[in-house]
Amino acid sequence: MVFSSSGYNPEKPMENRISDIGPRDFEEFYPPVIARNKGKWLYHEILEPGLLVHVAESGEKVYTLRCGASRLMSVTHIREICDIADKYCDGHVRFTTRNNIEFMTDSEEKAKAMKADLAGRKFSGGSSKFPAGGTGAGISNIVHTQGWVHCHTPATDASGPVKAIMDEVFAEFGQMRLPAHLRISLACCINMCGAVHCSDIGLVGVHRKPPAVDHEWTGQLCEIPLAVAACPTGAVRPAKVEVNGGQVKSVAINKDRCMYCGNCFTMCPALPISDGVGDGIAVMVGGKVSNRIGTPQFSKVVVAYIPNEPPRWPTVTATVKKIVDAYAAHAKKYERIGEWIARIGWERFFSLTGLEFTHHLIDDFREPAYYTWRQTTQFKF
């Protein structure tokens, strides 16, 4: 009766719906040429770094100009992006998962005019606002997490080291001269809301100390059962401790079982884990998602710890540059970093990159699922 009197028909739940709850259908925002040819594309080509063309069965074409961008943008910059989209693309623009901007148009003339226009747009410091690139056998933009700007458990910053690294390898963003495309990712802690575990080069922030416990405030700020349940290794347990002559409810940390993930701090702000001295970055290499040539692969740690060195992170930046240069010089065409390492061996990799091998890098992970899970759509006979 309630549904009937309100006009709701359970047989037709979308009929006369006026609510704006939830996002609008993404298909409403397609450029017309894409909407007309959805699912009917024949092929695509990279005409030049940053400029692609997709050709449909109907003969229609879409030209896409890909430009690098930062993950955190000012309102002024976003408005300029919208103005460009209005001028050249009938208001259509999209962002990729790697924080690139893609302007799409059905006219090659418009695409090339737009590229020339954007090449001349600079920030006051002289850097390009909209560098074209990130396509083909080059380095695309770095996908990264929140870092010190927003995240509550970071072991390193995200925007800072990403900016420093991209400044160093920027020449490869606008070129397509590497053996294959190269993906770099950064996560500011091991909870990894970035794609570090399956990138050619992954940078992950690492804590090296267990969380400190503020016993005075733990019982007042936190639901202790939630803090205990949040620990994936069972390193947190309830405890009663003496504080200012009285006994209070708190927690105890088993330091031998702690994996420094910071999940307990997410549940309880009286368990801070960030440490200005012990926190830093680990470097991983060899991961990929693609099925091309070889199966998807997880990254492996090649540098266990580099201390944070803001604002330019010189050691991390130099390490990434070493890996990129060695890969560019010695890999065969179409080889991703992991496939190159599989061919030459880890000993040769460490020799060519000049990285130090330590006992921290020995992979002693023995969980059978690591080897038995199907990680690919490739057939096995």
Protein backbone atom coordinates (compact mmCIF):
# COMPACT_ATOMS: atom_id res chain seq x y z
CA MET A 1 0.00 0.00 0.00
CA VAL A 2 2.84 2.37 0.82
CA PHE A 3 4.47 1.78 -2.53
CA SER A 4 1.17 2.04 -4.41
CA SER A 5 0.11 5.25 -2.71
CA SER A 6 3.47 6.85 -3.44
CA GLY A 7 3.22 6.02 -7.13
CA TYR A 8 6.05 3.48 -7.05
CA ASN A 9 5.52 0.49 -9.32
CA PRO A 10 7.72 -2.47 -8.28
CA GLU A 11 7.17 -3.99 -11.72
CA LYS A 12 8.81 -0.94 -13.33
CA PRO A 13 11.24 0.46 -10.74
CA MET A 14 12.71 3.11 -13.09
CA GLU A 15 9.35 4.46 -14.29
CA ASN A 16 8.88 8.19 -13.54
CA ARG A 17 12.01 8.20 -11.43
CA ILE A 18 12.92 11.74 -10.42
CA SER A 19 15.63 11.02 -7.87
CA ASP A 20 19.19 12.13 -8.63
CA ILE A 21 20.73 9.57 -6.29
CA GLY A 22 23.84 8.06 -7.83
CA PRO A 23 25.86 9.08 -10.89
CA ARG A 24 24.34 9.67 -14.28
CA ASP A 25 24.86 7.06 -16.97
CA PHE A 26 28.37 7.54 -18.35
CA GLU A 27 27.12 6.95 -21.89
CA GLU A 28 25.47 10.39 -21.74
CA PHE A 29 28.93 11.94 -21.84
CA TYR A 30 30.34 10.17 -24.89
CA PRO A 31 31.38 12.35 -27.81
CA PRO A 32 28.78 11.73 -30.55
CA VAL A 33 31.24 9.95 -32.83
CA ILE A 34 32.14 7.51 -30.04
CA ALA A 35 28.50 6.94 -29.13
CA ARG A 36 27.69 6.10 -32.74
CA ASN A 37 30.53 3.60 -33.09
CA LYS A 38 30.68 1.99 -29.66
CA GLY A 39 31.86 -1.60 -30.00
CA LYS A 40 32.53 -1.16 -33.70
CA TRP A 41 36.15 -0.04 -33.81
CA LEU A 42 38.49 -1.67 -36.32
CA TYR A 43 41.90 -0.50 -35.12
CA HIS A 44 43.87 2.39 -33.70
CA GLU A 45 47.25 3.91 -34.48
CA ILE A 46 49.66 6.28 -32.78
CA LEU A 47 50.29 9.03 -35.33
CA GLU A 48 52.95 10.72 -33.21
CA PRO A 49 53.77 10.84 -29.49
CA GLY A 50 50.59 11.82 -27.69
CA LEU A 51 48.32 11.72 -30.75
CA LEU A 52 46.19 8.65 -31.52
CA VAL A 53 43.51 7.85 -34.08
CA HIS A 54 40.78 5.22 -33.71
CA VAL A 55 39.05 4.05 -36.90
CA ALA A 56 35.54 2.56 -36.86
CA GLU A 57 33.85 0.14 -39.22
CA SER A 58 31.81 3.05 -40.52
CA GLY A 59 34.98 4.85 -41.59
CA GLU A 60 34.59 7.54 -38.92
CA LYS A 61 37.69 8.49 -36.96
CA VAL A 62 38.40 9.83 -33.50
CA TYR A 63 41.62 11.72 -32.86
CA THR A 64 42.82 11.73 -29.26
CA LEU A 65 45.45 14.10 -27.87
CA ARG A 66 46.90 12.75 -24.63
CA CYS A 67 48.57 15.24 -22.30
CA GLY A 68 50.31 14.76 -18.99
CA ALA A 69 48.73 16.30 -15.91
CA SER A 70 49.07 16.30 -12.16
CA ARG A 71 46.70 14.40 -9.93
CA LEU A 72 46.10 17.47 -7.75
CA MET A 73 44.94 20.47 -9.79
CA SER A 74 43.89 24.01 -9.09
CA VAL A 75 40.43 25.19 -10.07
CA THR A 76 42.08 27.61 -12.49
CA HIS A 77 43.84 24.75 -14.28
CA ILE A 78 40.65 22.69 -14.50
CA ARG A 79 38.81 25.65 -15.99
CA GLU A 80 41.52 26.01 -18.62
CA ILE A 81 41.12 22.32 -19.48
CA CYS A 82 37.39 22.85 -19.90
CA ASP A 83 37.99 25.90 -22.11
CA ILE A 84 40.27 23.83 -24.36
CA ALA A 85 37.63 21.09 -24.57
CA ASP A 86 34.99 23.68 -25.50
CA LYS A 87 37.22 25.20 -28.17
CA TYR A 88 38.40 22.04 -29.93
CA CYS A 89 36.31 19.08 -28.73
CA ASP A 90 32.73 20.31 -28.41
CA GLY A 91 33.11 20.20 -24.64
CA HIS A 92 34.27 16.58 -24.37
CA VAL A 93 37.29 15.63 -22.27
CA ARG A 94 38.34 12.67 -20.16
CA PHE A 95 40.98 11.72 -17.62
CA THR A 96 42.84 8.40 -17.73
CA THR A 97 43.64 6.24 -14.72
CA ARG A 98 47.22 7.54 -14.95
CA ASN A 99 46.11 11.15 -14.54
CA ASN A 100 46.56 12.00 -18.21
CA ILE A 101 44.09 14.27 -19.96
CA GLU A 102 42.62 13.11 -23.26
CA PHE A 103 41.02 15.59 -25.65
CA MET A 104 38.97 13.84 -28.36
CA THR A 105 37.83 15.25 -31.70
CA ASP A 106 36.68 13.85 -35.05
CA SER A 107 38.90 16.24 -37.02
CA GLU A 108 42.61 15.72 -37.66
CA GLU A 109 43.01 19.43 -38.38
CA LYS A 110 41.49 20.32 -35.02
CA ALA A 111 43.69 17.76 -33.27
CA LYS A 112 46.92 19.13 -34.74
CA ALA A 113 45.89 22.73 -34.15
CA MET A 114 45.09 21.84 -30.55
CA LYS A 115 48.46 20.14 -30.09
CA ALA A 116 50.28 23.21 -31.39
CA ASP A 117 48.20 25.47 -29.15
CA LEU A 118 48.81 23.38 -26.04
CA ALA A 119 52.54 23.09 -26.72
CA GLY A 120 52.81 26.86 -26.26
CA ARG A 121 50.98 27.00 -22.93
CA LYS A 122 53.41 27.29 -20.02
CA PHE A 123 53.26 27.77 -16.28
CA SER A 124 54.89 30.90 -14.86
CA GLY A 125 57.97 28.82 -13.97
CA GLY A 126 58.40 27.81 -17.62
CA SER A 127 57.21 24.20 -17.49
CA SER A 128 54.61 22.90 -19.94
CA LYS A 129 51.00 22.93 -18.82
CA PHE A 130 49.91 20.25 -21.29
CA PRO A 131 52.87 18.16 -22.51
CA ALA A 132 51.79 15.69 -25.19
CA GLY A 133 52.97 12.11 -24.80
CA GLY A 134 52.51 9.02 -22.68
CA THR A 135 51.81 6.77 -25.66
CA GLY A 136 53.56 3.75 -27.16
CA ALA A 137 57.03 2.65 -26.13
CA GLY A 138 57.64 5.40 -23.63
CA ILE A 139 56.92 6.35 -20.04
CA SER A 140 53.36 7.34 -19.27
CA ASN A 141 52.31 9.44 -16.31
CA ILE A 142 52.90 7.99 -12.85
CA VAL A 143 49.80 6.74 -11.08
CA HIS A 144 50.07 7.42 -7.37
CA THR A 145 48.24 7.54 -4.08
CA GLN A 146 47.42 10.41 -1.69
CA GLY A 147 50.66 10.89 0.24
CA TRP A 148 51.14 13.55 2.87
CA VAL A 149 48.48 15.77 1.33
CA HIS A 150 45.55 13.64 2.42
CA CYS A 151 46.31 10.08 3.58
CA HIS A 152 46.50 9.31 7.30
CA THR A 153 49.01 6.40 7.15
CA PRO A 154 51.64 7.40 4.57
CA ALA A 155 55.26 6.37 4.95
CA THR A 156 56.23 8.81 2.20
CA ASP A 157 54.74 11.57 0.13
CA ALA A 158 53.19 10.85 -3.25
CA SER A 159 53.04 14.08 -5.27
CA GLY A 160 56.55 15.12 -4.21
CA PRO A 161 58.58 12.09 -5.36
CA VAL A 162 56.34 11.65 -8.42
CA LYS A 163 57.09 15.20 -9.54
CA ALA A 164 60.84 14.72 -8.94
CA ILE A 165 60.95 11.40 -10.83
CA MET A 166 58.92 12.63 -13.79
CA ASP A 167 61.21 15.66 -14.07
CA GLU A 168 64.12 13.22 -14.42
CA VAL A 169 62.53 10.90 -16.99
CA PHE A 170 60.37 13.51 -18.73
CA ALA A 171 62.20 13.09 -22.05
CA GLU A 172 60.79 9.57 -22.31
CA PHE A 173 57.22 10.83 -21.81
CA GLY A 174 57.26 12.68 -25.11
CA GLN A 175 59.20 10.02 -27.03
CA MET A 176 58.58 6.41 -28.06
CA ARG A 177 62.11 5.05 -28.12
CA LEU A 178 62.12 2.51 -25.26
CA PRO A 179 61.93 -1.24 -25.97
CA ALA A 180 58.28 -1.27 -24.79
CA HIS A 181 55.97 0.91 -22.77
CA LEU A 182 57.08 1.42 -19.19
CA ARG A 183 54.71 1.96 -16.26
CA ILE A 184 55.81 3.56 -12.98
CA SER A 185 53.55 3.64 -9.93
CA LEU A 186 53.88 4.92 -6.38
CA ALA A 187 51.99 3.97 -3.22
CA CYS A 188 52.68 5.88 -0.03
CA CYS A 189 52.23 2.83 2.23
CA ILE A 190 51.95 -0.93 1.91
CA ASN A 191 48.15 -0.78 1.88
CA MET A 192 48.82 0.23 -1.70
CA CYS A 193 45.87 2.01 -3.21
CA GLY A 194 48.20 2.34 -6.22
CA ALA A 195 49.24 -0.34 -8.72
CA VAL A 196 52.72 -0.87 -7.30
CA HIS A 197 52.42 -4.65 -7.10
CA CYS A 198 52.11 -5.03 -10.89
CA SER A 199 54.09 -2.15 -12.44
CA ASP A 200 57.37 -2.15 -14.33
CA ILE A 201 58.79 0.08 -11.59
CA GLY A 202 56.91 0.36 -8.31
CA LEU A 203 57.73 2.64 -5.41
CA VAL A 204 56.08 1.90 -2.09
CA GLY A 205 56.34 3.77 1.18
CA VAL A 206 57.42 1.54 4.08
CA HIS A 207 57.17 2.00 7.83
CA ARG A 208 59.93 0.29 9.79
CA LYS A 209 58.62 0.66 13.32
CA PRO A 210 55.44 -0.59 14.97
CA PRO A 211 52.84 1.98 16.00
CA ALA A 212 53.38 3.94 19.20
CA VAL A 213 50.64 3.49 21.78
CA ASP A 214 49.27 6.53 23.60
CA HIS A 215 47.81 4.64 26.54
CA GLU A 216 46.27 7.73 28.08
CA TRP A 217 44.00 8.29 25.09
CA THR A 218 43.53 4.82 23.59
CA GLY A 219 40.52 3.92 25.72
CA GLN A 220 38.98 7.37 25.27
CA LEU A 221 39.41 7.76 21.50
CA CYS A 222 39.12 4.21 20.25
CA GLU A 223 36.84 1.21 20.08
CA ILE A 224 39.49 -1.23 21.23
CA PRO A 225 37.83 -4.33 19.67
CA LEU A 226 37.93 -2.59 16.28
CA ALA A 227 41.62 -1.78 16.65
CA VAL A 228 42.31 -5.41 17.58
CA ALA A 229 40.23 -6.78 14.71
CA ALA A 230 41.89 -4.43 12.18
CA CYS A 231 45.29 -6.11 12.52
CA PRO A 232 45.84 -8.69 9.74
CA THR A 233 48.55 -10.51 11.70
CA GLY A 234 46.99 -10.53 15.18
CA ALA A 235 49.71 -8.27 16.57
CA VAL A 236 47.29 -6.08 18.54
CA ARG A 237 45.59 -7.34 21.72
CA PRO A 238 43.63 -5.70 24.53
CA ALA A 239 45.59 -4.75 27.63
CA LYS A 240 45.24 -2.86 30.90
CA VAL A 241 48.06 -0.50 31.81
CA GLU A 242 48.92 1.92 34.58
CA VAL A 243 48.59 5.60 33.63
CA ASN A 244 48.99 8.42 36.15
CA GLY A 245 48.49 6.03 39.05
CA GLY A 246 45.33 4.46 37.65
CA GLN A 247 44.53 1.48 35.49
CA VAL A 248 43.12 2.15 32.00
CA LYS A 249 42.02 0.01 29.08
CA SER A 250 44.46 0.07 26.17
CA VAL A 251 46.21 -2.26 23.73
CA ALA A 252 49.56 -3.98 23.49
CA ILE A 253 51.55 -4.49 20.29
CA ASN A 254 53.45 -7.71 19.55
CA LYS A 255 56.39 -6.16 17.72
CA ASP A 256 57.52 -9.48 16.25
CA ARG A 257 54.17 -9.98 14.52
CA CYS A 258 53.60 -6.38 13.38
CA MET A 259 53.90 -5.85 9.62
CA TYR A 260 53.81 -2.01 9.91
CA CYS A 261 50.68 -1.61 7.77
CA GLY A 262 48.96 1.06 9.87
CA ASN A 263 45.52 -0.58 9.78
CA CYS A 264 45.23 -0.21 13.55
CA PHE A 265 45.82 3.54 13.26
CA THR A 266 42.96 3.71 10.78
CA MET A 267 40.70 2.41 13.55
CA CYS A 268 42.42 4.18 16.44
CA PRO A 269 44.16 7.59 16.21
CA ALA A 270 45.97 6.87 19.47
CA LEU A 271 48.19 4.37 17.61
CA PRO A 272 50.27 6.61 15.30
CA ILE A 273 52.68 4.78 13.02
CA SER A 274 54.30 7.53 10.94
CA ASP A 275 57.90 8.16 11.88
CA GLY A 276 60.06 10.94 10.47
CA VAL A 277 63.27 8.94 10.81
CA GLY A 278 62.32 5.35 10.05
CA ASP A 279 59.87 5.85 7.17
CA GLY A 280 61.05 5.65 3.57
CA ILE A 281 60.60 4.04 0.16
CA ALA A 282 61.17 0.54 -1.22
CA VAL A 283 61.72 0.05 -4.97
CA MET A 284 60.13 -2.84 -6.87
CA VAL A 285 60.48 -3.87 -10.51
CA GLY A 286 59.21 -6.38 -13.03
CA GLY A 287 55.44 -6.33 -12.63
CA LYS A 288 52.84 -6.00 -15.35
CA VAL A 289 49.15 -6.56 -15.97
CA SER A 290 49.38 -7.24 -19.69
CA ASN A 291 49.02 -10.75 -21.15
CA ARG A 292 51.17 -9.80 -24.11
CA ILE A 293 54.14 -12.15 -24.71
CA GLY A 294 54.22 -13.27 -21.08
CA THR A 295 51.65 -13.67 -18.34
CA PRO A 296 50.90 -10.94 -15.77
CA GLN A 297 53.61 -10.68 -13.14
CA PHE A 298 54.05 -9.33 -9.64
CA SER A 299 56.83 -6.86 -8.89
CA LYS A 300 59.88 -7.87 -6.87
CA VAL A 301 61.75 -5.72 -4.35
CA VAL A 302 65.19 -4.58 -5.57
CA VAL A 303 65.86 -1.80 -3.05
CA ALA A 304 64.54 -2.53 0.42
CA TYR A 305 64.75 0.98 1.85
CA ILE A 306 65.63 4.52 0.84
CA PRO A 307 65.04 7.25 3.42
CA ASN A 308 62.68 10.12 2.64
CA GLU A 309 64.62 13.10 1.28
CA PRO A 310 62.12 15.86 0.57
CA PRO A 311 61.64 18.00 -1.36
CA ARG A 312 63.35 16.33 -4.37
CA TRP A 313 64.05 12.73 -3.21
CA PRO A 314 67.45 12.58 -5.00
CA THR A 315 68.32 8.97 -4.11
CA VAL A 316 64.97 7.55 -5.22
CA THR A 317 65.07 9.61 -8.39
CA ALA A 318 68.61 8.48 -9.24
CA THR A 319 67.67 4.83 -8.58
CA VAL A 320 64.70 4.97 -10.95
CA LYS A 321 66.84 6.65 -13.60
CA LYS A 322 69.48 3.88 -13.32
CA ILE A 323 66.85 1.20 -13.87
CA VAL A 324 65.28 3.01 -16.82
CA ASP A 325 68.67 3.63 -18.48
CA ALA A 326 69.82 0.02 -18.05
CA TYR A 327 66.51 -1.26 -19.43
CA ALA A 328 66.63 1.11 -22.40
CA ALA A 329 70.19 0.08 -23.25
CA HIS A 330 69.95 -3.70 -22.89
CA ALA A 331 66.36 -4.93 -23.36
CA LYS A 332 65.14 -6.29 -26.68
CA LYS A 333 62.29 -4.72 -28.58
CA TYR A 334 58.87 -5.40 -27.03
CA GLU A 335 60.37 -6.72 -23.77
CA ARG A 336 58.87 -5.31 -20.59
CA ILE A 337 61.23 -4.92 -17.63
CA GLY A 338 60.12 -8.20 -16.04
CA GLU A 339 60.58 -10.10 -19.28
CA TRP A 340 64.02 -8.54 -19.75
CA ILE A 341 65.03 -9.64 -16.23
CA ALA A 342 63.66 -13.14 -16.82
CA ARG A 343 65.90 -13.42 -19.89
CA ILE A 344 69.14 -12.08 -18.42
CA GLY A 345 68.72 -13.21 -14.79
CA TRP A 346 68.64 -11.24 -11.56
CA GLU A 347 72.44 -11.32 -11.13
CA ARG A 348 72.90 -9.55 -14.44
CA PHE A 349 70.14 -7.07 -13.60
CA PHE A 350 71.88 -5.99 -10.40
CA SER A 351 75.19 -5.78 -12.25
CA LEU A 352 73.80 -3.58 -15.05
CA THR A 353 71.88 -1.24 -12.75
CA GLY A 354 74.60 -0.96 -10.11
CA LEU A 355 72.09 -1.69 -7.34
CA GLU A 356 73.32 -3.48 -4.23
CA PHE A 357 71.93 -6.94 -3.52
CA THR A 358 71.20 -7.57 0.15
CA HIS A 359 69.57 -10.37 2.14
CA HIS A 360 66.45 -8.20 2.46
CA LEU A 361 65.70 -8.92 -1.19
CA ILE A 362 65.54 -12.72 -0.95
CA ASP A 363 62.00 -13.85 -1.72
CA ASP A 364 61.03 -16.33 1.00
CA PHE A 365 57.29 -16.15 0.33
CA ARG A 366 55.98 -19.69 0.23
CA GLU A 367 52.20 -19.33 0.09
CA PRO A 368 51.03 -21.91 -2.53
CA ALA A 369 48.32 -19.57 -3.84
CA TYR A 370 51.08 -17.28 -5.08
CA TYR A 371 51.96 -19.94 -7.65
CA THR A 372 48.64 -21.68 -8.23
CA TRP A 373 46.15 -18.85 -8.73
CA ARG A 374 45.23 -18.26 -12.33
CA GLN A 375 46.63 -14.80 -13.09
CA THR A 376 46.05 -14.80 -16.83
CA THR A 377 43.55 -15.51 -19.57
CA GLN A 378 46.21 -17.36 -21.55
CA PHE A 379 45.46 -21.03 -22.12
CA LYS A 380 47.55 -23.75 -20.53
CA PHE A 381 47.83 -27.11 -22.29
